[in-house]
Amino acid sequence: MAALSSLKLQSGSRLTAGSDRFQRSSAPWQPYGTHKTETGMARQELNAADKAVRKSFVPEAESLGCKTKVDQMDNILAVRPGKNSRAPPIVIGLHLDAQPTDGQYDGILGVLSGLEVLRTLHENAHQSEGSIGVVNWTKYAPTSRTKVVFTEVTNVTGWSDGVSFILGVGTCMYAYIATEGASHIAEEIPNPGKGVPRTMMLSLGISAVSVIPWTLAFLFSTNDLDAVASSTFPVLEVYQQALNNRSGATFLAVWLLVIYFGSVVSVVAATGRLTWAFARDNGLPYSPTFARLHPTLQMSVNATIASSIVVACYGAIYVGSTTAFNSFISMSILSLNVTYAIPQGIVVFRGRDMVLPHARQFNLGKIFGPFCNIFCVCWVCLYTALFCLPIFLPAEVEDMNYVSVVVAGCALIIVIMWFSGKRKTFVGPIINMELLEAAKIQHVDAETQATVLAGEKELEN
């Protein structure tokens, strides 16, 4: 403490630093334990306690006339400008974190000493000849950061770590809800038995190759997970932490939006195509209108416009309630996975040899094929229950999971429509095996197939 007792000026006078104030200022930064003899710390680098101290350090330094800067390694430098910008600066500091259960001044002594010097200069309105800075070093090595990414777990859900992990895995299922996209145009491509499975598997492979490095880059670049979790635009916060540059973060965020807007075109087309196919089988209200193809464009324009309007109304739910919107999103994920599991359950129940074509080009074999079918059914059954659980415990009205309510409501609408007339008019997809065989050899577009199928329906009637 003797080193902090006074500061000698060039004039020969001294500025005295108070040791009592120094000890009082250090008290909030060194808590450990509840007993009076427990005077150490347990503030490891970049944990919640260390982040809280870092956040309190910056405004205190700025209140003493400093300009602060945080670099990409999370080092914090606070500089109080001097009279002569060319004079060599003096930098005082160390680190605010500590080893587990270490002494009360481990690491923080250097930073506190620097702050006390700044307080003394500030309260005496003295401007030093050269700049004086206080630094808080971030000393972690890449190995420790690797440990944070791959081994450390932060669970704030209220569930056990096991249940929390399973619920977290379930949220990743959102990224795979479009893997069956190629099957929606199976009737319009040559040799769909080979082309559709190849497209689906390639999309999964490309996604895995690209998303793993992307995710690791995110994890290693993020240094404040609390800020990311509380942000209204998390990916923008991640970019900001990674680049430490608002312009660069904004550019990457806008670029991501451009990519999403590009994908909207294909999503709208696929949605309209699905709506048209369902209307063609008389499964929707006003099916003849939505099943009509545009005479010039040869596209399902009516179905595409109708589905776009419904999607826009659905997006407006987010403005009123994010909880309700998230419940509808979860319901969409769950419903799609249920539709994946139902045909596989039928295949398992009736037997793959009884249902699937024997000469199919994509064959997983007698062992791996049934394993995939059974695993899919069991997995979807598990997540059908898990998706209805609240994310946080104890559950509050604001963050309650209403997926079960949304699913029940949608099921009720389907039942009402079925018994109010659709059970008499819905015909289901009509499979023309000769047309499918022809599609293996040459391209047969949707218009041709629709014309053939419409002719078959007229003959049946």
Protein backbone atom coordinates (compact mmCIF):
# COMPACT_ATOMS: atom_id res chain seq x y z
CA MET A 1 0.00 0.00 0.00
CA ALA A 2 2.97 2.31 0.55
CA ALA A 3 3.37 2.77 -3.19
CA LEU A 4 -0.12 4.29 -3.31
CA SER A 5 0.40 6.77 -0.52
CA SER A 6 1.41 9.74 -2.66
CA LEU A 7 2.16 10.92 -6.19
CA LYS A 8 5.05 13.35 -6.60
CA LEU A 9 4.54 16.12 -9.17
CA GLN A 10 7.19 17.97 -11.16
CA SER A 11 6.60 21.06 -9.03
CA GLY A 12 7.71 19.15 -5.98
CA SER A 13 4.25 18.99 -4.39
CA ARG A 14 2.50 15.70 -3.78
CA LEU A 15 -1.00 14.35 -4.42
CA THR A 16 -2.00 11.94 -1.68
CA ALA A 17 -3.99 8.79 -2.45
CA GLY A 18 -6.18 7.51 0.36
CA SER A 19 -5.56 3.90 1.32
CA ASP A 20 -8.94 3.70 3.07
CA ARG A 21 -10.74 4.57 -0.15
CA PHE A 22 -8.60 2.07 -2.01
CA GLN A 23 -9.70 -0.75 0.30
CA ARG A 24 -13.35 0.34 0.15
CA SER A 25 -13.28 0.43 -3.66
CA SER A 26 -11.86 -3.08 -3.81
CA ALA A 27 -14.49 -4.62 -1.54
CA PRO A 28 -17.24 -5.10 -4.18
CA TRP A 29 -14.75 -6.81 -6.50
CA GLN A 30 -13.50 -9.51 -4.18
CA PRO A 31 -16.48 -11.48 -2.81
CA TYR A 32 -15.99 -15.10 -1.94
CA GLY A 33 -17.91 -17.07 0.68
CA THR A 34 -20.08 -15.76 3.49
CA HIS A 35 -17.84 -16.20 6.55
CA LYS A 36 -15.72 -13.25 7.69
CA THR A 37 -12.53 -15.28 7.28
CA GLU A 38 -13.30 -16.07 3.67
CA THR A 39 -11.64 -13.11 2.00
CA GLY A 40 -10.54 -14.63 -1.28
CA MET A 41 -12.09 -14.78 -4.74
CA ALA A 42 -13.50 -17.37 -7.12
CA ARG A 43 -13.82 -15.23 -10.24
CA GLN A 44 -12.45 -17.16 -13.18
CA GLU A 45 -11.82 -15.48 -16.47
CA LEU A 46 -14.86 -14.67 -18.62
CA ASN A 47 -17.38 -16.30 -16.27
CA ALA A 48 -20.48 -14.37 -15.22
CA ALA A 49 -18.76 -12.72 -12.23
CA ASP A 50 -15.79 -11.59 -14.32
CA LYS A 51 -18.08 -10.15 -16.99
CA ALA A 52 -19.97 -8.20 -14.32
CA VAL A 53 -16.73 -6.71 -12.99
CA ARG A 54 -15.59 -5.83 -16.51
CA LYS A 55 -18.87 -4.03 -17.16
CA SER A 56 -18.46 -2.00 -13.94
CA PHE A 57 -14.83 -1.16 -14.74
CA VAL A 58 -15.59 0.62 -18.01
CA PRO A 59 -18.09 3.25 -16.74
CA GLU A 60 -15.95 3.95 -13.67
CA ALA A 61 -12.89 4.60 -15.82
CA GLU A 62 -14.90 6.82 -18.17
CA SER A 63 -16.24 8.81 -15.22
CA LEU A 64 -12.62 9.65 -14.37
CA GLY A 65 -12.01 11.21 -17.78
CA CYS A 66 -10.76 8.13 -19.61
CA LYS A 67 -11.43 6.91 -23.09
CA THR A 68 -11.97 3.14 -23.12
CA LYS A 69 -11.39 0.54 -25.79
CA VAL A 70 -12.03 -3.21 -25.86
CA ASP A 71 -9.99 -5.16 -28.41
CA GLN A 72 -10.71 -8.54 -30.01
CA MET A 73 -9.08 -10.40 -27.13
CA ASP A 74 -11.33 -8.56 -24.64
CA ASN A 75 -8.42 -6.55 -23.24
CA ILE A 76 -9.81 -3.31 -21.80
CA LEU A 77 -7.65 -0.18 -22.03
CA ALA A 78 -8.74 3.04 -20.30
CA VAL A 79 -6.60 6.10 -21.13
CA ARG A 80 -6.72 9.53 -19.45
CA PRO A 81 -5.23 11.99 -21.99
CA GLY A 82 -2.25 14.09 -20.90
CA LYS A 83 -1.03 17.53 -21.93
CA ASN A 84 1.54 16.24 -24.39
CA SER A 85 0.24 13.58 -26.80
CA ARG A 86 3.83 12.80 -27.84
CA ALA A 87 5.00 12.06 -24.31
CA PRO A 88 5.40 8.36 -23.48
CA PRO A 89 2.25 7.10 -21.70
CA ILE A 90 2.23 5.31 -18.36
CA VAL A 91 0.03 2.22 -18.19
CA ILE A 92 -0.90 0.53 -14.91
CA GLY A 93 -2.92 -2.65 -14.49
CA LEU A 94 -3.12 -6.42 -14.52
CA HIS A 95 -6.31 -8.53 -14.60
CA LEU A 96 -9.65 -8.49 -12.76
CA ASP A 97 -10.20 -12.24 -12.70
CA ALA A 98 -8.55 -14.64 -10.26
CA GLN A 99 -7.67 -18.26 -9.79
CA PRO A 100 -10.34 -20.33 -7.97
CA THR A 101 -10.52 -19.38 -4.25
CA ASP A 102 -7.40 -17.23 -4.52
CA GLY A 103 -6.35 -14.23 -2.42
CA GLN A 104 -8.45 -11.10 -2.34
CA TYR A 105 -5.93 -9.04 -4.33
CA ASP A 106 -4.93 -11.71 -6.84
CA GLY A 107 -4.83 -9.98 -10.20
CA ILE A 108 -7.00 -7.03 -9.24
CA LEU A 109 -4.31 -5.16 -7.28
CA GLY A 110 -2.75 -3.74 -10.43
CA VAL A 111 -6.09 -2.56 -11.85
CA LEU A 112 -7.25 -1.09 -8.54
CA SER A 113 -3.94 0.74 -8.15
CA GLY A 114 -4.37 2.28 -11.56
CA LEU A 115 -7.93 3.37 -10.80
CA GLU A 116 -6.84 4.92 -7.51
CA VAL A 117 -4.19 6.94 -9.37
CA LEU A 118 -6.86 8.17 -11.77
CA ARG A 119 -9.19 9.07 -8.88
CA THR A 120 -6.49 11.10 -7.22
CA LEU A 121 -5.69 12.97 -10.42
CA HIS A 122 -9.36 13.53 -11.17
CA GLU A 123 -10.37 14.87 -7.77
CA ASN A 124 -7.41 17.30 -7.82
CA ALA A 125 -8.20 18.35 -11.40
CA HIS A 126 -4.62 17.59 -12.36
CA GLN A 127 -3.68 16.80 -15.94
CA SER A 128 -0.53 14.78 -16.28
CA GLU A 129 2.16 15.59 -18.83
CA GLY A 130 1.72 12.30 -20.65
CA SER A 131 -1.33 10.04 -20.88
CA ILE A 132 -2.02 7.62 -18.05
CA GLY A 133 -3.80 4.37 -18.74
CA VAL A 134 -5.25 1.45 -16.83
CA VAL A 135 -5.39 -1.95 -18.51
CA ASN A 136 -7.30 -5.13 -17.72
CA TRP A 137 -5.61 -7.96 -19.56
CA THR A 138 -7.40 -11.00 -20.88
CA LYS A 139 -4.84 -13.73 -20.47
CA TYR A 140 -6.67 -16.83 -21.66
CA ALA A 141 -4.87 -19.15 -24.05
CA PRO A 142 -6.52 -20.86 -27.04
CA THR A 143 -6.66 -24.10 -25.08
CA SER A 144 -8.79 -22.54 -22.37
CA ARG A 145 -11.11 -21.06 -25.00
CA THR A 146 -11.38 -24.52 -26.55
CA LYS A 147 -12.42 -25.85 -23.17
CA VAL A 148 -15.14 -23.21 -22.93
CA VAL A 149 -16.49 -24.11 -26.39
CA PHE A 150 -16.41 -27.89 -26.12
CA THR A 151 -16.80 -28.77 -22.44
CA GLU A 152 -18.41 -25.98 -20.41
CA VAL A 153 -22.19 -25.96 -20.10
CA THR A 154 -24.40 -23.10 -18.94
CA ASN A 155 -27.89 -24.29 -18.09
CA VAL A 156 -30.39 -21.62 -17.01
CA THR A 157 -33.57 -23.47 -18.04
CA GLY A 158 -34.40 -25.03 -14.68
CA TRP A 159 -34.38 -28.49 -16.25
CA SER A 160 -31.63 -31.01 -15.58
CA ASP A 161 -28.61 -30.90 -17.89
CA GLY A 162 -29.80 -34.05 -19.69
CA VAL A 163 -33.30 -32.74 -20.41
CA SER A 164 -31.91 -29.33 -21.30
CA PHE A 165 -29.53 -30.94 -23.82
CA ILE A 166 -32.36 -32.92 -25.45
CA LEU A 167 -34.52 -29.80 -25.68
CA GLY A 168 -31.58 -27.93 -27.23
CA VAL A 169 -31.11 -30.66 -29.83
CA GLY A 170 -34.80 -30.32 -30.68
CA THR A 171 -34.34 -26.66 -31.66
CA CYS A 172 -31.75 -27.76 -34.24
CA MET A 173 -34.46 -29.73 -36.04
CA TYR A 174 -35.64 -26.41 -37.48
CA ALA A 175 -32.62 -26.41 -39.80
CA TYR A 176 -33.71 -29.70 -41.41
CA ILE A 177 -37.38 -29.02 -42.10
CA ALA A 178 -36.76 -28.41 -45.81
CA THR A 179 -34.70 -31.51 -46.59
CA GLU A 180 -37.69 -33.05 -48.34
CA GLY A 181 -38.03 -30.03 -50.65
CA ALA A 182 -36.91 -31.98 -53.70
CA SER A 183 -39.79 -34.42 -53.26
CA HIS A 184 -42.30 -31.62 -53.90
CA ILE A 185 -41.22 -31.46 -57.55
CA ALA A 186 -40.75 -35.20 -57.98
CA GLU A 187 -43.53 -35.25 -60.58
CA GLU A 188 -41.71 -32.68 -62.70
CA ILE A 189 -38.20 -34.10 -62.97
CA PRO A 190 -36.90 -37.04 -65.00
CA ASN A 191 -36.04 -40.18 -63.07
CA PRO A 192 -37.24 -38.94 -59.64
CA GLY A 193 -36.37 -42.27 -58.02
CA LYS A 194 -32.71 -41.38 -58.45
CA GLY A 195 -32.74 -37.59 -58.58
CA VAL A 196 -34.79 -36.87 -55.45
CA PRO A 197 -32.78 -39.02 -52.97
CA ARG A 198 -29.52 -37.75 -54.46
CA THR A 199 -30.62 -34.13 -54.06
CA MET A 200 -31.75 -34.67 -50.46
CA MET A 201 -28.52 -36.41 -49.44
CA LEU A 202 -26.33 -33.83 -51.19
CA SER A 203 -28.13 -30.98 -49.45
CA LEU A 204 -27.51 -32.61 -46.07
CA GLY A 205 -23.85 -33.25 -46.90
CA ILE A 206 -23.24 -29.70 -48.13
CA SER A 207 -25.00 -28.31 -45.05
CA ALA A 208 -22.88 -30.37 -42.68
CA VAL A 209 -19.63 -29.37 -44.39
CA SER A 210 -20.53 -25.67 -44.26
CA VAL A 211 -22.36 -25.39 -40.94
CA ILE A 212 -19.75 -27.05 -38.71
CA PRO A 213 -16.94 -24.54 -39.47
CA TRP A 214 -19.51 -21.72 -39.36
CA THR A 215 -20.76 -22.78 -35.93
CA LEU A 216 -17.24 -23.21 -34.53
CA ALA A 217 -16.30 -19.76 -35.80
CA PHE A 218 -19.34 -18.33 -34.01
CA LEU A 219 -18.51 -20.10 -30.76
CA PHE A 220 -14.84 -19.09 -30.72
CA SER A 221 -15.68 -15.49 -31.66
CA THR A 222 -18.38 -14.99 -29.03
CA ASN A 223 -17.08 -13.74 -25.71
CA ASP A 224 -20.30 -12.61 -24.01
CA LEU A 225 -23.04 -15.22 -24.31
CA ASP A 226 -25.32 -13.27 -21.97
CA ALA A 227 -25.32 -10.34 -24.38
CA VAL A 228 -26.10 -12.66 -27.29
CA ALA A 229 -28.94 -14.35 -25.39
CA SER A 230 -30.53 -11.03 -24.39
CA SER A 231 -30.12 -9.39 -27.80
CA THR A 232 -33.16 -8.85 -30.03
CA PHE A 233 -30.91 -9.66 -33.01
CA PRO A 234 -28.46 -12.29 -31.68
CA VAL A 235 -26.53 -12.86 -34.91
CA LEU A 236 -25.75 -9.13 -35.13
CA GLU A 237 -24.36 -9.24 -31.59
CA VAL A 238 -22.18 -12.22 -32.52
CA TYR A 239 -20.83 -10.37 -35.56
CA GLN A 240 -20.13 -7.33 -33.40
CA GLN A 241 -18.22 -9.36 -30.84
CA ALA A 242 -16.27 -11.20 -33.53
CA LEU A 243 -15.27 -8.13 -35.56
CA ASN A 244 -15.46 -5.41 -32.91
CA ASN A 245 -16.64 -3.22 -35.75
CA ARG A 246 -20.22 -2.03 -36.23
CA SER A 247 -19.88 -1.42 -39.96
CA GLY A 248 -18.54 -4.92 -40.58
CA ALA A 249 -21.19 -6.49 -38.35
CA THR A 250 -23.94 -4.57 -40.16
CA PHE A 251 -22.61 -5.64 -43.56
CA LEU A 252 -22.62 -9.33 -42.60
CA ALA A 253 -26.12 -9.03 -41.12
CA VAL A 254 -27.44 -7.37 -44.29
CA TRP A 255 -25.69 -10.03 -46.38
CA LEU A 256 -27.49 -12.70 -44.36
CA LEU A 257 -30.80 -10.98 -45.07
CA VAL A 258 -29.98 -10.95 -48.79
CA ILE A 259 -29.42 -14.70 -48.66
CA TYR A 260 -32.73 -15.20 -46.85
CA PHE A 261 -34.59 -13.02 -49.31
CA GLY A 262 -33.12 -15.12 -52.12
CA SER A 263 -34.38 -18.29 -50.49
CA VAL A 264 -37.85 -16.76 -50.10
CA VAL A 265 -38.40 -17.12 -53.85
CA SER A 266 -37.93 -20.88 -53.78
CA VAL A 267 -39.90 -21.21 -50.53
CA VAL A 268 -42.87 -19.31 -51.96
CA ALA A 269 -42.76 -21.42 -55.12
CA ALA A 270 -42.64 -24.66 -53.10
CA THR A 271 -45.47 -23.52 -50.83
CA GLY A 272 -47.65 -22.63 -53.79
CA ARG A 273 -46.80 -25.98 -55.39
CA LEU A 274 -47.87 -27.87 -52.26
CA THR A 275 -51.08 -25.87 -52.02
CA TRP A 276 -51.86 -26.57 -55.66
CA ALA A 277 -51.19 -30.32 -55.25
CA PHE A 278 -53.45 -30.52 -52.19
CA ALA A 279 -56.18 -28.56 -53.95
CA ARG A 280 -55.83 -30.82 -57.00
CA ASP A 281 -56.80 -33.72 -54.71
CA ASN A 282 -59.75 -31.66 -53.43
CA GLY A 283 -58.33 -31.33 -49.93
CA LEU A 284 -58.89 -27.57 -49.45
CA PRO A 285 -61.85 -25.20 -49.40
CA TYR A 286 -62.41 -23.78 -52.90
CA SER A 287 -60.16 -26.49 -54.31
CA PRO A 288 -61.18 -25.94 -57.99
CA THR A 289 -59.95 -22.32 -57.76
CA PHE A 290 -56.61 -23.15 -56.18
CA ALA A 291 -56.06 -26.19 -58.43
CA ARG A 292 -56.35 -24.09 -61.59
CA LEU A 293 -53.16 -23.45 -63.58
CA HIS A 294 -52.56 -20.07 -65.20
CA PRO A 295 -53.23 -20.47 -68.94
CA THR A 296 -50.18 -18.44 -70.00
CA LEU A 297 -47.63 -18.90 -67.23
CA GLN A 298 -48.55 -22.56 -66.70
CA MET A 299 -48.06 -22.04 -62.98
CA SER A 300 -50.24 -22.44 -59.92
CA VAL A 301 -50.69 -18.68 -59.56
CA ASN A 302 -53.89 -18.80 -57.50
CA ALA A 303 -52.43 -21.25 -55.00
CA THR A 304 -49.16 -19.29 -54.74
CA ILE A 305 -50.93 -15.97 -54.09
CA ALA A 306 -53.25 -17.54 -51.51
CA SER A 307 -50.41 -19.24 -49.64
CA SER A 308 -48.37 -16.00 -49.68
CA ILE A 309 -51.25 -14.09 -48.11
CA VAL A 310 -51.62 -16.73 -45.40
CA VAL A 311 -47.86 -16.62 -44.69
CA ALA A 312 -47.95 -12.81 -44.44
CA CYS A 313 -50.81 -12.98 -41.94
CA TYR A 314 -48.91 -15.64 -40.05
CA GLY A 315 -45.83 -13.40 -39.86
CA ALA A 316 -47.98 -10.61 -38.40
CA ILE A 317 -48.45 -12.77 -35.29
CA TYR A 318 -44.86 -11.89 -34.34
CA VAL A 319 -45.88 -8.25 -33.93
CA GLY A 320 -48.55 -9.14 -31.40
CA SER A 321 -46.88 -11.95 -29.47
CA THR A 322 -43.46 -13.55 -29.87
CA THR A 323 -44.59 -16.39 -27.61
CA ALA A 324 -47.51 -17.24 -29.91
CA PHE A 325 -45.28 -16.92 -32.99
CA ASN A 326 -42.67 -19.26 -31.53
CA SER A 327 -45.41 -21.75 -30.68
CA PHE A 328 -46.56 -21.77 -34.30
CA ILE A 329 -42.95 -22.21 -35.45
CA SER A 330 -42.52 -25.17 -33.10
CA MET A 331 -45.84 -26.59 -34.31
CA SER A 332 -44.59 -26.36 -37.90
CA ILE A 333 -41.39 -28.23 -37.04
CA LEU A 334 -43.31 -30.85 -35.12
CA SER A 335 -45.97 -31.29 -37.82
CA LEU A 336 -43.41 -31.72 -40.58
CA ASN A 337 -41.50 -34.32 -38.60
CA VAL A 338 -44.75 -36.17 -37.87
CA THR A 339 -45.45 -36.27 -41.60
CA TYR A 340 -41.96 -37.73 -42.10
CA ALA A 341 -42.60 -40.42 -39.49
CA ILE A 342 -46.10 -41.55 -40.59
CA PRO A 343 -45.09 -43.16 -43.92
CA GLN A 344 -42.06 -44.74 -42.27
CA GLY A 345 -44.30 -46.16 -39.56
CA ILE A 346 -46.54 -47.63 -42.26
CA VAL A 347 -43.52 -49.16 -43.97
CA VAL A 348 -42.38 -50.75 -40.69
CA PHE A 349 -45.90 -51.99 -39.84
CA ARG A 350 -46.74 -53.48 -43.23
CA GLY A 351 -43.23 -54.52 -44.19
CA ARG A 352 -40.79 -52.81 -46.53
CA ASP A 353 -41.10 -55.57 -49.15
CA MET A 354 -44.90 -55.15 -49.21
CA VAL A 355 -44.86 -51.36 -49.66
CA LEU A 356 -41.68 -50.28 -51.43
CA PRO A 357 -40.90 -51.08 -55.09
CA HIS A 358 -38.46 -53.95 -55.42
CA ALA A 359 -36.54 -52.31 -58.28
CA ARG A 360 -36.05 -48.95 -56.55
CA GLN A 361 -32.74 -47.21 -57.20
CA PHE A 362 -32.27 -45.92 -53.64
CA ASN A 363 -32.18 -48.90 -51.29
CA LEU A 364 -30.78 -48.79 -47.74
CA GLY A 365 -30.75 -52.56 -47.40
CA LYS A 366 -32.50 -55.01 -45.12
CA ILE A 367 -30.73 -53.89 -41.93
CA PHE A 368 -29.99 -50.17 -42.22
CA GLY A 369 -33.32 -49.39 -43.89
CA PRO A 370 -35.57 -50.76 -41.10
CA PHE A 371 -33.23 -49.23 -38.50
CA CYS A 372 -33.69 -45.78 -40.03
CA ASN A 373 -37.47 -46.23 -40.17
CA ILE A 374 -37.78 -47.39 -36.56
CA PHE A 375 -35.36 -44.73 -35.28
CA CYS A 376 -37.31 -41.99 -37.06
CA VAL A 377 -40.64 -43.11 -35.59
CA CYS A 378 -39.21 -43.36 -32.05
CA TRP A 379 -37.40 -40.03 -32.37
CA VAL A 380 -40.50 -38.17 -33.54
CA CYS A 381 -42.63 -39.77 -30.82
CA LEU A 382 -40.12 -38.57 -28.22
CA TYR A 383 -40.03 -35.02 -29.54
CA THR A 384 -43.79 -34.87 -29.95
CA ALA A 385 -43.89 -34.91 -26.15
CA LEU A 386 -40.77 -32.77 -25.61
CA PHE A 387 -41.92 -30.02 -27.94
CA CYS A 388 -44.93 -29.47 -25.68
CA LEU A 389 -42.78 -28.91 -22.56
CA PRO A 390 -41.99 -25.37 -21.36
CA ILE A 391 -38.46 -24.21 -22.10
CA PHE A 392 -37.93 -22.67 -18.66
CA LEU A 393 -38.91 -23.74 -15.19
CA PRO A 394 -40.87 -22.53 -13.39
CA ALA A 395 -43.11 -21.73 -16.36
CA GLU A 396 -44.64 -18.26 -16.53
CA VAL A 397 -47.45 -16.96 -18.71
CA GLU A 398 -44.99 -14.91 -20.79
CA ASP A 399 -42.65 -17.79 -21.65
CA MET A 400 -45.03 -20.75 -21.49
CA ASN A 401 -44.91 -23.24 -24.35
CA TYR A 402 -48.28 -23.22 -26.10
CA VAL A 403 -47.41 -25.76 -28.82
CA SER A 404 -49.89 -28.27 -27.42
CA VAL A 405 -52.67 -25.65 -27.65
CA VAL A 406 -51.76 -24.77 -31.24
CA VAL A 407 -51.54 -28.44 -32.26
CA ALA A 408 -54.90 -29.17 -30.64
CA GLY A 409 -56.44 -26.17 -32.40
CA CYS A 410 -55.10 -27.22 -35.82
CA ALA A 411 -56.25 -30.80 -35.23
CA LEU A 412 -59.73 -29.53 -34.35
CA ILE A 413 -59.90 -27.50 -37.59
CA ILE A 414 -58.84 -30.56 -39.61
CA VAL A 415 -61.46 -32.77 -37.93
CA ILE A 416 -64.19 -30.22 -38.56
CA MET A 417 -63.23 -29.88 -42.23
CA TRP A 418 -63.07 -33.66 -42.62
CA PHE A 419 -66.48 -34.40 -41.21
CA SER A 420 -68.12 -31.33 -42.77
CA GLY A 421 -67.63 -32.72 -46.26
CA LYS A 422 -64.00 -33.37 -47.18
CA ARG A 423 -64.23 -37.05 -46.26
CA LYS A 424 -66.61 -37.42 -49.21
CA THR A 425 -64.69 -35.32 -51.74
CA PHE A 426 -61.01 -35.77 -50.88
CA VAL A 427 -59.53 -38.35 -53.26
CA GLY A 428 -55.86 -38.37 -52.27
CA PRO A 429 -53.00 -38.42 -54.73
CA ILE A 430 -53.58 -40.50 -57.84
CA ILE A 431 -50.48 -42.42 -58.89
CA ASN A 432 -50.06 -43.16 -62.56
CA MET A 433 -47.32 -45.79 -62.73
CA GLU A 434 -47.04 -45.55 -66.53
CA LEU A 435 -46.47 -41.80 -66.23
CA LEU A 436 -43.83 -42.32 -63.56
CA GLU A 437 -42.05 -44.89 -65.69
CA ALA A 438 -42.07 -42.45 -68.59
CA ALA A 439 -40.58 -39.77 -66.33
CA LYS A 440 -37.50 -41.98 -65.87
CA ILE A 441 -36.75 -41.60 -69.55
CA GLN A 442 -37.90 -38.12 -70.44
CA HIS A 443 -39.08 -34.94 -68.77
CA VAL A 444 -42.79 -34.87 -68.00
CA ASP A 445 -43.88 -31.50 -66.65
CA ALA A 446 -46.67 -30.71 -64.21
CA GLU A 447 -49.07 -29.50 -66.90
CA THR A 448 -48.86 -32.80 -68.81
CA GLN A 449 -49.33 -34.84 -65.67
CA ALA A 450 -52.26 -32.69 -64.52
CA THR A 451 -53.89 -33.09 -67.94
CA VAL A 452 -53.47 -36.87 -67.87
CA LEU A 453 -54.78 -37.18 -64.33
CA ALA A 454 -57.73 -34.88 -65.05
CA GLY A 455 -58.63 -37.04 -68.04
CA GLU A 456 -58.49 -40.15 -65.88
CA LYS A 457 -60.83 -38.57 -63.32
CA GLU A 458 -63.33 -37.63 -66.05
CA LEU A 459 -63.30 -41.21 -67.34
CA GLU A 460 -63.92 -42.53 -63.85
CA ASN A 461 -66.85 -40.18 -63.40
